[in-house]
N, C-alpha and C. Protein backbone atom coordinates (compact mmCIF):
# COMPACT_ATOMS: atom_id res chain seq x y z
N MET A 1 87.14 -31.69 8.09
CA MET A 1 88.30 -32.43 8.59
C MET A 1 88.25 -32.49 10.12
N LYS A 2 88.25 -33.70 10.64
CA LYS A 2 88.21 -33.91 12.09
C LYS A 2 89.62 -33.73 12.67
N LYS A 3 89.75 -32.82 13.64
CA LYS A 3 91.04 -32.58 14.28
C LYS A 3 91.06 -33.24 15.65
N THR A 4 92.22 -33.76 16.02
CA THR A 4 92.36 -34.44 17.31
C THR A 4 92.85 -33.46 18.36
N ASP A 5 92.20 -33.47 19.51
CA ASP A 5 92.58 -32.62 20.64
C ASP A 5 94.03 -32.89 21.05
N LYS A 6 94.81 -31.83 21.24
CA LYS A 6 96.24 -31.96 21.59
C LYS A 6 96.43 -32.74 22.90
N LYS A 7 95.56 -32.48 23.88
CA LYS A 7 95.66 -33.18 25.17
C LYS A 7 95.45 -34.69 24.98
N LEU A 8 94.52 -35.04 24.11
CA LEU A 8 94.25 -36.44 23.81
C LEU A 8 95.47 -37.11 23.18
N ILE A 9 96.12 -36.43 22.25
CA ILE A 9 97.33 -36.95 21.61
C ILE A 9 98.43 -37.17 22.65
N GLU A 10 98.57 -36.22 23.56
CA GLU A 10 99.57 -36.36 24.64
C GLU A 10 99.29 -37.60 25.47
N GLU A 11 98.02 -37.81 25.82
CA GLU A 11 97.65 -39.00 26.60
C GLU A 11 97.94 -40.27 25.82
N PHE A 12 97.55 -40.28 24.54
CA PHE A 12 97.76 -41.46 23.71
C PHE A 12 99.24 -41.81 23.64
N LEU A 13 100.06 -40.82 23.35
CA LEU A 13 101.49 -41.09 23.17
C LEU A 13 102.17 -41.45 24.49
N ARG A 14 101.77 -40.80 25.58
CA ARG A 14 102.36 -41.12 26.88
C ARG A 14 102.05 -42.56 27.28
N VAL A 15 100.79 -42.96 27.13
CA VAL A 15 100.41 -44.31 27.55
C VAL A 15 100.96 -45.36 26.58
N ASP A 16 100.98 -45.06 25.30
CA ASP A 16 101.50 -46.04 24.33
C ASP A 16 103.00 -46.24 24.51
N HIS A 17 103.70 -45.17 24.81
CA HIS A 17 105.14 -45.26 25.10
C HIS A 17 105.36 -46.16 26.32
N ALA A 18 104.60 -45.91 27.37
CA ALA A 18 104.73 -46.71 28.60
C ALA A 18 104.33 -48.16 28.35
N GLY A 19 103.26 -48.36 27.60
CA GLY A 19 102.76 -49.71 27.36
C GLY A 19 103.72 -50.57 26.55
N GLU A 20 104.29 -49.99 25.51
CA GLU A 20 105.23 -50.77 24.70
C GLU A 20 106.51 -51.05 25.47
N ARG A 21 106.93 -50.10 26.27
CA ARG A 21 108.09 -50.35 27.13
C ARG A 21 107.75 -51.43 28.16
N GLY A 22 106.54 -51.38 28.68
CA GLY A 22 106.09 -52.40 29.63
C GLY A 22 106.08 -53.78 29.01
N ALA A 23 105.65 -53.87 27.76
CA ALA A 23 105.63 -55.16 27.06
C ALA A 23 107.05 -55.72 26.93
N ILE A 24 107.99 -54.84 26.62
CA ILE A 24 109.40 -55.28 26.54
C ILE A 24 109.85 -55.82 27.88
N LYS A 25 109.49 -55.13 28.95
CA LYS A 25 109.90 -55.57 30.30
C LYS A 25 109.26 -56.92 30.66
N ILE A 26 108.01 -57.12 30.26
CA ILE A 26 107.37 -58.42 30.51
C ILE A 26 108.17 -59.52 29.80
N TYR A 27 108.50 -59.29 28.53
CA TYR A 27 109.28 -60.29 27.78
C TYR A 27 110.67 -60.48 28.40
N GLU A 28 111.28 -59.40 28.87
CA GLU A 28 112.58 -59.53 29.52
C GLU A 28 112.47 -60.41 30.77
N GLY A 29 111.40 -60.23 31.55
CA GLY A 29 111.18 -61.06 32.73
C GLY A 29 110.96 -62.52 32.36
N GLN A 30 110.19 -62.73 31.29
CA GLN A 30 109.95 -64.11 30.84
C GLN A 30 111.25 -64.76 30.37
N LEU A 31 112.03 -64.01 29.61
CA LEU A 31 113.30 -64.56 29.11
C LEU A 31 114.29 -64.81 30.24
N LEU A 32 114.27 -63.96 31.25
CA LEU A 32 115.13 -64.17 32.42
C LEU A 32 114.75 -65.49 33.12
N ALA A 33 113.46 -65.74 33.28
CA ALA A 33 113.02 -67.00 33.89
C ALA A 33 113.45 -68.18 33.05
N LEU A 34 113.38 -68.04 31.73
CA LEU A 34 113.77 -69.14 30.84
C LEU A 34 115.28 -69.38 30.85
N LYS A 35 116.04 -68.35 31.10
CA LYS A 35 117.50 -68.49 31.15
C LYS A 35 117.99 -69.05 32.49
N THR A 36 117.20 -68.80 33.55
CA THR A 36 117.68 -69.18 34.88
C THR A 36 117.02 -70.43 35.46
N PHE A 37 115.71 -70.58 35.27
CA PHE A 37 115.01 -71.69 35.92
C PHE A 37 114.38 -72.68 34.95
N MET A 38 113.80 -72.16 33.92
CA MET A 38 113.05 -73.00 33.00
C MET A 38 113.83 -73.10 31.69
N LYS A 39 113.89 -74.24 31.14
CA LYS A 39 114.56 -74.39 29.84
C LYS A 39 113.53 -74.79 28.80
N ASN A 40 113.25 -73.87 27.89
CA ASN A 40 112.29 -74.13 26.83
C ASN A 40 112.70 -73.28 25.63
N GLU A 41 113.51 -73.84 24.77
CA GLU A 41 114.05 -73.09 23.63
C GLU A 41 112.97 -72.64 22.66
N ASP A 42 111.93 -73.45 22.48
CA ASP A 42 110.85 -73.08 21.57
C ASP A 42 110.12 -71.83 22.08
N LEU A 43 109.78 -71.84 23.35
CA LEU A 43 109.11 -70.69 23.95
C LEU A 43 110.04 -69.47 23.91
N LYS A 44 111.29 -69.68 24.21
CA LYS A 44 112.28 -68.59 24.21
C LYS A 44 112.34 -67.90 22.85
N SER A 45 112.38 -68.67 21.78
CA SER A 45 112.48 -68.07 20.44
C SER A 45 111.21 -67.30 20.09
N LYS A 46 110.03 -67.79 20.50
CA LYS A 46 108.78 -67.08 20.24
C LYS A 46 108.75 -65.75 21.00
N LEU A 47 109.17 -65.79 22.25
CA LEU A 47 109.18 -64.58 23.07
C LEU A 47 110.17 -63.56 22.52
N GLU A 48 111.32 -64.02 22.09
CA GLU A 48 112.33 -63.10 21.53
C GLU A 48 111.80 -62.42 20.27
N GLU A 49 111.08 -63.17 19.44
CA GLU A 49 110.52 -62.60 18.21
C GLU A 49 109.46 -61.54 18.54
N MET A 50 108.58 -61.85 19.49
CA MET A 50 107.55 -60.88 19.87
C MET A 50 108.17 -59.65 20.51
N LYS A 51 109.22 -59.85 21.29
CA LYS A 51 109.92 -58.73 21.92
C LYS A 51 110.49 -57.77 20.87
N LEU A 52 110.95 -58.30 19.75
CA LEU A 52 111.46 -57.45 18.67
C LEU A 52 110.37 -56.53 18.13
N HIS A 53 109.16 -57.04 17.97
CA HIS A 53 108.04 -56.20 17.53
C HIS A 53 107.78 -55.09 18.53
N GLU A 54 107.78 -55.47 19.82
CA GLU A 54 107.52 -54.48 20.86
C GLU A 54 108.61 -53.41 20.87
N GLN A 55 109.84 -53.79 20.56
CA GLN A 55 110.93 -52.82 20.51
C GLN A 55 110.70 -51.82 19.37
N GLU A 56 110.24 -52.33 18.24
CA GLU A 56 109.91 -51.44 17.11
C GLU A 56 108.83 -50.44 17.52
N HIS A 57 107.81 -50.91 18.20
CA HIS A 57 106.72 -50.05 18.67
C HIS A 57 107.24 -49.02 19.67
N ALA A 58 108.02 -49.49 20.64
CA ALA A 58 108.56 -48.59 21.69
C ALA A 58 109.45 -47.52 21.08
N ASP A 59 110.28 -47.91 20.11
CA ASP A 59 111.17 -46.94 19.45
C ASP A 59 110.35 -45.84 18.78
N PHE A 60 109.27 -46.23 18.09
CA PHE A 60 108.42 -45.25 17.43
C PHE A 60 107.84 -44.27 18.45
N PHE A 61 107.25 -44.79 19.54
CA PHE A 61 106.61 -43.91 20.52
C PHE A 61 107.65 -43.08 21.27
N ASP A 62 108.83 -43.62 21.48
CA ASP A 62 109.90 -42.85 22.11
C ASP A 62 110.25 -41.63 21.25
N LYS A 63 110.38 -41.84 19.95
CA LYS A 63 110.67 -40.72 19.03
C LYS A 63 109.53 -39.71 19.02
N GLU A 64 108.29 -40.21 19.03
CA GLU A 64 107.13 -39.32 18.99
C GLU A 64 107.03 -38.44 20.23
N ILE A 65 107.23 -39.02 21.42
CA ILE A 65 107.11 -38.18 22.62
C ILE A 65 108.23 -37.14 22.66
N LYS A 66 109.41 -37.50 22.18
CA LYS A 66 110.51 -36.52 22.13
C LYS A 66 110.22 -35.43 21.10
N LYS A 67 109.79 -35.84 19.92
CA LYS A 67 109.50 -34.90 18.84
C LYS A 67 108.41 -33.90 19.25
N ARG A 68 107.41 -34.38 19.98
CA ARG A 68 106.27 -33.54 20.36
C ARG A 68 106.44 -32.93 21.76
N ASN A 69 107.60 -33.18 22.36
CA ASN A 69 107.91 -32.62 23.68
C ASN A 69 106.87 -33.02 24.74
N ILE A 70 106.58 -34.32 24.78
CA ILE A 70 105.63 -34.87 25.75
C ILE A 70 106.44 -35.62 26.82
N LYS A 71 106.12 -35.34 28.06
CA LYS A 71 106.82 -36.03 29.16
C LYS A 71 106.27 -37.45 29.30
N PRO A 72 107.17 -38.43 29.45
CA PRO A 72 106.69 -39.80 29.69
C PRO A 72 106.01 -39.88 31.06
N THR A 73 105.28 -40.94 31.29
CA THR A 73 104.65 -41.12 32.59
C THR A 73 105.72 -41.17 33.69
N LYS A 74 105.37 -40.62 34.82
CA LYS A 74 106.29 -40.64 35.97
C LYS A 74 106.39 -42.03 36.57
N PHE A 75 105.52 -42.92 36.13
CA PHE A 75 105.47 -44.27 36.69
C PHE A 75 106.35 -45.28 35.95
N LEU A 76 107.14 -44.83 34.96
CA LEU A 76 107.98 -45.78 34.18
C LEU A 76 108.82 -46.71 35.06
N PRO A 77 109.52 -46.20 36.08
CA PRO A 77 110.33 -47.13 36.89
C PRO A 77 109.48 -48.21 37.57
N LEU A 78 108.29 -47.84 38.04
CA LEU A 78 107.41 -48.83 38.67
C LEU A 78 106.89 -49.82 37.63
N TRP A 79 106.49 -49.31 36.46
CA TRP A 79 106.00 -50.20 35.40
C TRP A 79 107.09 -51.17 34.96
N ASP A 80 108.35 -50.67 34.90
CA ASP A 80 109.47 -51.56 34.54
C ASP A 80 109.57 -52.72 35.53
N LEU A 81 109.56 -52.39 36.80
CA LEU A 81 109.68 -53.41 37.85
C LEU A 81 108.50 -54.39 37.81
N LEU A 82 107.29 -53.86 37.67
CA LEU A 82 106.11 -54.73 37.62
C LEU A 82 106.09 -55.58 36.36
N GLY A 83 106.53 -55.01 35.24
CA GLY A 83 106.57 -55.77 33.99
C GLY A 83 107.53 -56.95 34.07
N ILE A 84 108.72 -56.69 34.57
CA ILE A 84 109.71 -57.78 34.72
C ILE A 84 109.17 -58.83 35.69
N SER A 85 108.57 -58.38 36.79
CA SER A 85 108.02 -59.31 37.78
C SER A 85 106.88 -60.15 37.20
N LEU A 86 105.99 -59.52 36.44
CA LEU A 86 104.89 -60.25 35.82
C LEU A 86 105.41 -61.27 34.82
N GLY A 87 106.35 -60.87 34.01
CA GLY A 87 106.92 -61.79 33.03
C GLY A 87 107.62 -62.97 33.69
N PHE A 88 108.44 -62.66 34.67
CA PHE A 88 109.18 -63.71 35.38
C PHE A 88 108.23 -64.65 36.11
N GLY A 89 107.30 -64.04 36.86
CA GLY A 89 106.36 -64.85 37.66
C GLY A 89 105.46 -65.73 36.81
N SER A 90 104.96 -65.19 35.71
CA SER A 90 104.07 -65.99 34.86
C SER A 90 104.82 -67.15 34.22
N THR A 91 106.07 -66.94 33.88
CA THR A 91 106.86 -68.00 33.24
C THR A 91 107.25 -69.09 34.24
N ILE A 92 107.52 -68.70 35.46
CA ILE A 92 107.83 -69.68 36.51
C ILE A 92 106.64 -70.61 36.73
N LEU A 93 105.42 -70.09 36.49
CA LEU A 93 104.21 -70.92 36.65
C LEU A 93 104.03 -71.92 35.51
N GLY A 94 104.81 -71.75 34.43
CA GLY A 94 104.75 -72.71 33.34
C GLY A 94 104.35 -72.09 32.01
N ASN A 95 104.41 -72.91 30.98
CA ASN A 95 104.15 -72.46 29.61
C ASN A 95 102.75 -71.85 29.44
N LYS A 96 101.73 -72.51 30.00
CA LYS A 96 100.36 -71.99 29.86
C LYS A 96 100.23 -70.60 30.45
N ALA A 97 100.80 -70.40 31.63
CA ALA A 97 100.72 -69.10 32.30
C ALA A 97 101.53 -68.05 31.54
N ALA A 98 102.69 -68.42 31.04
CA ALA A 98 103.51 -67.48 30.28
C ALA A 98 102.77 -67.03 29.02
N MET A 99 102.17 -67.96 28.33
CA MET A 99 101.44 -67.61 27.11
C MET A 99 100.15 -66.86 27.44
N LEU A 100 99.51 -67.20 28.56
CA LEU A 100 98.33 -66.47 28.98
C LEU A 100 98.67 -65.02 29.29
N CYS A 101 99.82 -64.79 29.86
CA CYS A 101 100.27 -63.43 30.15
C CYS A 101 100.25 -62.60 28.86
N THR A 102 100.84 -63.14 27.81
CA THR A 102 100.84 -62.44 26.52
C THR A 102 99.42 -62.25 26.00
N ALA A 103 98.62 -63.31 26.00
CA ALA A 103 97.26 -63.22 25.48
C ALA A 103 96.43 -62.19 26.24
N SER A 104 96.51 -62.20 27.56
CA SER A 104 95.72 -61.28 28.38
C SER A 104 96.10 -59.83 28.13
N VAL A 105 97.39 -59.56 28.12
CA VAL A 105 97.86 -58.19 27.86
C VAL A 105 97.43 -57.75 26.46
N GLU A 106 97.60 -58.62 25.48
CA GLU A 106 97.27 -58.24 24.10
C GLU A 106 95.78 -58.02 23.91
N GLU A 107 94.93 -58.73 24.65
CA GLU A 107 93.49 -58.50 24.55
C GLU A 107 93.12 -57.11 25.06
N VAL A 108 93.79 -56.67 26.13
CA VAL A 108 93.55 -55.32 26.64
C VAL A 108 94.09 -54.28 25.64
N ILE A 109 95.25 -54.54 25.08
CA ILE A 109 95.86 -53.60 24.13
C ILE A 109 95.04 -53.52 22.85
N ASP A 110 94.46 -54.61 22.43
CA ASP A 110 93.58 -54.59 21.26
C ASP A 110 92.46 -53.56 21.47
N GLU A 111 91.76 -53.64 22.59
CA GLU A 111 90.69 -52.69 22.91
C GLU A 111 91.23 -51.27 22.99
N HIS A 112 92.36 -51.13 23.66
CA HIS A 112 92.98 -49.82 23.88
C HIS A 112 93.35 -49.16 22.55
N TYR A 113 94.05 -49.89 21.68
CA TYR A 113 94.44 -49.32 20.40
C TYR A 113 93.23 -49.04 19.51
N GLN A 114 92.23 -49.93 19.54
CA GLN A 114 91.03 -49.70 18.72
C GLN A 114 90.33 -48.42 19.17
N ASN A 115 90.28 -48.19 20.46
CA ASN A 115 89.68 -46.97 21.00
C ASN A 115 90.44 -45.73 20.49
N GLN A 116 91.76 -45.82 20.48
CA GLN A 116 92.56 -44.69 19.99
C GLN A 116 92.33 -44.47 18.50
N ILE A 117 92.32 -45.55 17.74
CA ILE A 117 92.09 -45.46 16.29
C ILE A 117 90.77 -44.76 16.01
N ASN A 118 89.75 -45.10 16.77
CA ASN A 118 88.43 -44.50 16.59
C ASN A 118 88.41 -43.00 16.92
N LYS A 119 89.29 -42.56 17.81
CA LYS A 119 89.30 -41.15 18.25
C LYS A 119 90.25 -40.26 17.46
N LEU A 120 91.20 -40.85 16.75
CA LEU A 120 92.17 -40.03 16.01
C LEU A 120 91.52 -39.36 14.82
N GLY A 121 91.83 -38.08 14.64
CA GLY A 121 91.27 -37.30 13.54
C GLY A 121 92.11 -37.39 12.28
N ASP A 122 91.62 -36.68 11.26
CA ASP A 122 92.30 -36.66 9.96
C ASP A 122 93.67 -36.00 10.03
N ASP A 123 93.90 -35.19 11.06
CA ASP A 123 95.17 -34.50 11.21
C ASP A 123 96.28 -35.41 11.73
N GLU A 124 95.94 -36.62 12.10
CA GLU A 124 96.93 -37.57 12.66
C GLU A 124 96.94 -38.87 11.86
N LYS A 125 96.95 -38.74 10.54
CA LYS A 125 96.91 -39.92 9.65
C LYS A 125 98.09 -40.86 9.87
N GLU A 126 99.30 -40.30 9.99
CA GLU A 126 100.49 -41.14 10.16
C GLU A 126 100.48 -41.88 11.48
N LEU A 127 100.09 -41.18 12.55
CA LEU A 127 100.00 -41.82 13.86
C LEU A 127 98.95 -42.92 13.83
N LYS A 128 97.82 -42.64 13.23
CA LYS A 128 96.74 -43.62 13.12
C LYS A 128 97.22 -44.86 12.36
N LYS A 129 97.93 -44.64 11.26
CA LYS A 129 98.45 -45.75 10.45
C LYS A 129 99.39 -46.63 11.28
N LYS A 130 100.26 -46.00 12.07
CA LYS A 130 101.19 -46.76 12.93
C LYS A 130 100.43 -47.56 13.98
N ILE A 131 99.46 -46.94 14.62
CA ILE A 131 98.70 -47.63 15.67
C ILE A 131 97.92 -48.80 15.08
N ILE A 132 97.38 -48.63 13.89
CA ILE A 132 96.68 -49.74 13.22
C ILE A 132 97.65 -50.90 12.99
N LYS A 133 98.86 -50.59 12.51
CA LYS A 133 99.87 -51.63 12.26
C LYS A 133 100.28 -52.31 13.57
N PHE A 134 100.51 -51.50 14.61
CA PHE A 134 100.93 -52.05 15.89
C PHE A 134 99.82 -52.92 16.49
N ARG A 135 98.57 -52.52 16.33
CA ARG A 135 97.44 -53.32 16.82
C ARG A 135 97.44 -54.68 16.12
N GLU A 136 97.69 -54.69 14.81
CA GLU A 136 97.76 -55.95 14.07
C GLU A 136 98.88 -56.85 14.60
N ASP A 137 100.03 -56.25 14.92
CA ASP A 137 101.14 -57.01 15.52
C ASP A 137 100.70 -57.63 16.85
N GLU A 138 100.00 -56.84 17.67
CA GLU A 138 99.57 -57.32 18.99
C GLU A 138 98.56 -58.46 18.85
N LEU A 139 97.66 -58.34 17.87
CA LEU A 139 96.70 -59.42 17.64
C LEU A 139 97.41 -60.70 17.19
N HIS A 140 98.47 -60.54 16.41
CA HIS A 140 99.28 -61.68 15.99
C HIS A 140 99.93 -62.33 17.22
N HIS A 141 100.44 -61.52 18.15
CA HIS A 141 101.03 -62.05 19.38
C HIS A 141 100.00 -62.84 20.18
N LYS A 142 98.78 -62.31 20.25
CA LYS A 142 97.71 -63.00 20.96
C LYS A 142 97.45 -64.36 20.32
N ASP A 143 97.39 -64.40 19.00
CA ASP A 143 97.16 -65.67 18.29
C ASP A 143 98.29 -66.66 18.56
N ILE A 144 99.52 -66.18 18.56
CA ILE A 144 100.68 -67.04 18.86
C ILE A 144 100.52 -67.62 20.26
N ALA A 145 100.12 -66.77 21.21
CA ALA A 145 99.97 -67.22 22.60
C ALA A 145 98.93 -68.34 22.71
N TYR A 146 97.79 -68.17 22.06
CA TYR A 146 96.76 -69.22 22.14
C TYR A 146 97.18 -70.50 21.41
N LYS A 147 97.90 -70.36 20.32
CA LYS A 147 98.38 -71.54 19.59
C LYS A 147 99.44 -72.30 20.39
N ASN A 148 100.06 -71.61 21.35
CA ASN A 148 101.15 -72.21 22.10
C ASN A 148 100.82 -72.44 23.57
N GLY A 149 99.54 -72.63 23.88
CA GLY A 149 99.19 -73.11 25.21
C GLY A 149 98.47 -72.16 26.13
N ALA A 150 98.25 -70.90 25.76
CA ALA A 150 97.52 -69.99 26.64
C ALA A 150 96.15 -70.60 26.94
N SER A 151 95.77 -70.52 28.20
CA SER A 151 94.50 -71.11 28.62
C SER A 151 93.88 -70.25 29.71
N LYS A 152 92.55 -70.15 29.67
CA LYS A 152 91.82 -69.45 30.73
C LYS A 152 91.02 -70.44 31.57
N ALA A 153 91.31 -71.71 31.39
CA ALA A 153 90.59 -72.76 32.13
C ALA A 153 91.03 -72.78 33.59
N GLY A 154 90.10 -73.06 34.47
CA GLY A 154 90.40 -73.24 35.89
C GLY A 154 91.04 -72.02 36.52
N VAL A 155 92.12 -72.25 37.24
CA VAL A 155 92.81 -71.19 37.98
C VAL A 155 93.39 -70.11 37.03
N TYR A 156 93.60 -70.48 35.79
CA TYR A 156 94.14 -69.52 34.82
C TYR A 156 93.17 -68.37 34.57
N SER A 157 91.87 -68.59 34.81
CA SER A 157 90.90 -67.51 34.63
C SER A 157 91.15 -66.39 35.63
N ILE A 158 91.63 -66.75 36.81
CA ILE A 158 91.97 -65.74 37.83
C ILE A 158 93.19 -64.94 37.38
N LEU A 159 94.20 -65.65 36.90
CA LEU A 159 95.41 -64.97 36.41
C LEU A 159 95.05 -64.02 35.27
N ASP A 160 94.17 -64.43 34.37
CA ASP A 160 93.73 -63.59 33.26
C ASP A 160 93.11 -62.29 33.79
N LYS A 161 92.22 -62.42 34.76
CA LYS A 161 91.55 -61.24 35.33
C LYS A 161 92.54 -60.31 36.03
N VAL A 162 93.49 -60.88 36.75
CA VAL A 162 94.50 -60.07 37.46
C VAL A 162 95.36 -59.29 36.45
N ILE A 163 95.81 -59.97 35.42
CA ILE A 163 96.66 -59.33 34.41
C ILE A 163 95.89 -58.24 33.68
N LYS A 164 94.66 -58.52 33.29
CA LYS A 164 93.85 -57.53 32.58
C LYS A 164 93.54 -56.32 33.45
N THR A 165 93.20 -56.57 34.70
CA THR A 165 92.89 -55.46 35.62
C THR A 165 94.14 -54.60 35.83
N GLY A 166 95.26 -55.23 36.06
CA GLY A 166 96.51 -54.49 36.23
C GLY A 166 96.87 -53.68 35.00
N SER A 167 96.67 -54.26 33.83
CA SER A 167 96.96 -53.55 32.58
C SER A 167 96.06 -52.34 32.41
N ARG A 168 94.79 -52.49 32.71
CA ARG A 168 93.85 -51.37 32.58
C ARG A 168 94.16 -50.25 33.58
N ILE A 169 94.55 -50.62 34.78
CA ILE A 169 94.94 -49.62 35.78
C ILE A 169 96.18 -48.86 35.31
N ALA A 170 97.17 -49.58 34.80
CA ALA A 170 98.40 -48.94 34.31
C ALA A 170 98.09 -48.00 33.15
N ILE A 171 97.18 -48.39 32.28
CA ILE A 171 96.78 -47.53 31.15
C ILE A 171 96.17 -46.24 31.67
N THR A 172 95.21 -46.34 32.58
CA THR A 172 94.52 -45.16 33.11
C THR A 172 95.50 -44.21 33.80
N ILE A 173 96.39 -44.76 34.61
CA ILE A 173 97.37 -43.93 35.31
C ILE A 173 98.34 -43.27 34.32
N SER A 174 98.84 -44.05 33.39
CA SER A 174 99.85 -43.54 32.46
C SER A 174 99.32 -42.47 31.52
N GLU A 175 98.04 -42.52 31.21
CA GLU A 175 97.46 -41.47 30.37
C GLU A 175 97.55 -40.11 31.06
N LYS A 176 97.37 -40.11 32.37
CA LYS A 176 97.22 -38.85 33.12
C LYS A 176 98.50 -38.35 33.79
N VAL A 177 99.36 -39.27 34.24
CA VAL A 177 100.51 -38.87 35.05
C VAL A 177 101.82 -39.25 34.38
């Protein structure tokens, strides 16, 4: 029976808690832009639906870090601010950029969750099952984003790289601090 290192579990739960909360903040920023500057009811309803999934994920990780007495990352307030800013800013740039924001983040999360799934031992079957389900939700969000205008063509390729790099940096920091 493969056992998972306790420190590794702490890192996984700390970063997943921060990441799901960050996803909610990105959607909140996008929805704020749609309520104040941009009017797009179709996009709004898609974002609200995806935000509900992220809330389910965040609630699970919130319970897990409390149950296991794991401290959340000290960077939560900064991630909240950056998430709202990223969501708002990408939506102000238009539908393609808003959807690219979702696609880019979800592509990083796909890799991130798959890496965790591969490292979890037999002693963490329930956690592994949840992460597998959440990864499937994230892949569905990515598909929705591409079906609804996400593009990496032209200048959008730069935005994709910026979002992915920022997401990877936040993951690395949140695992440790």
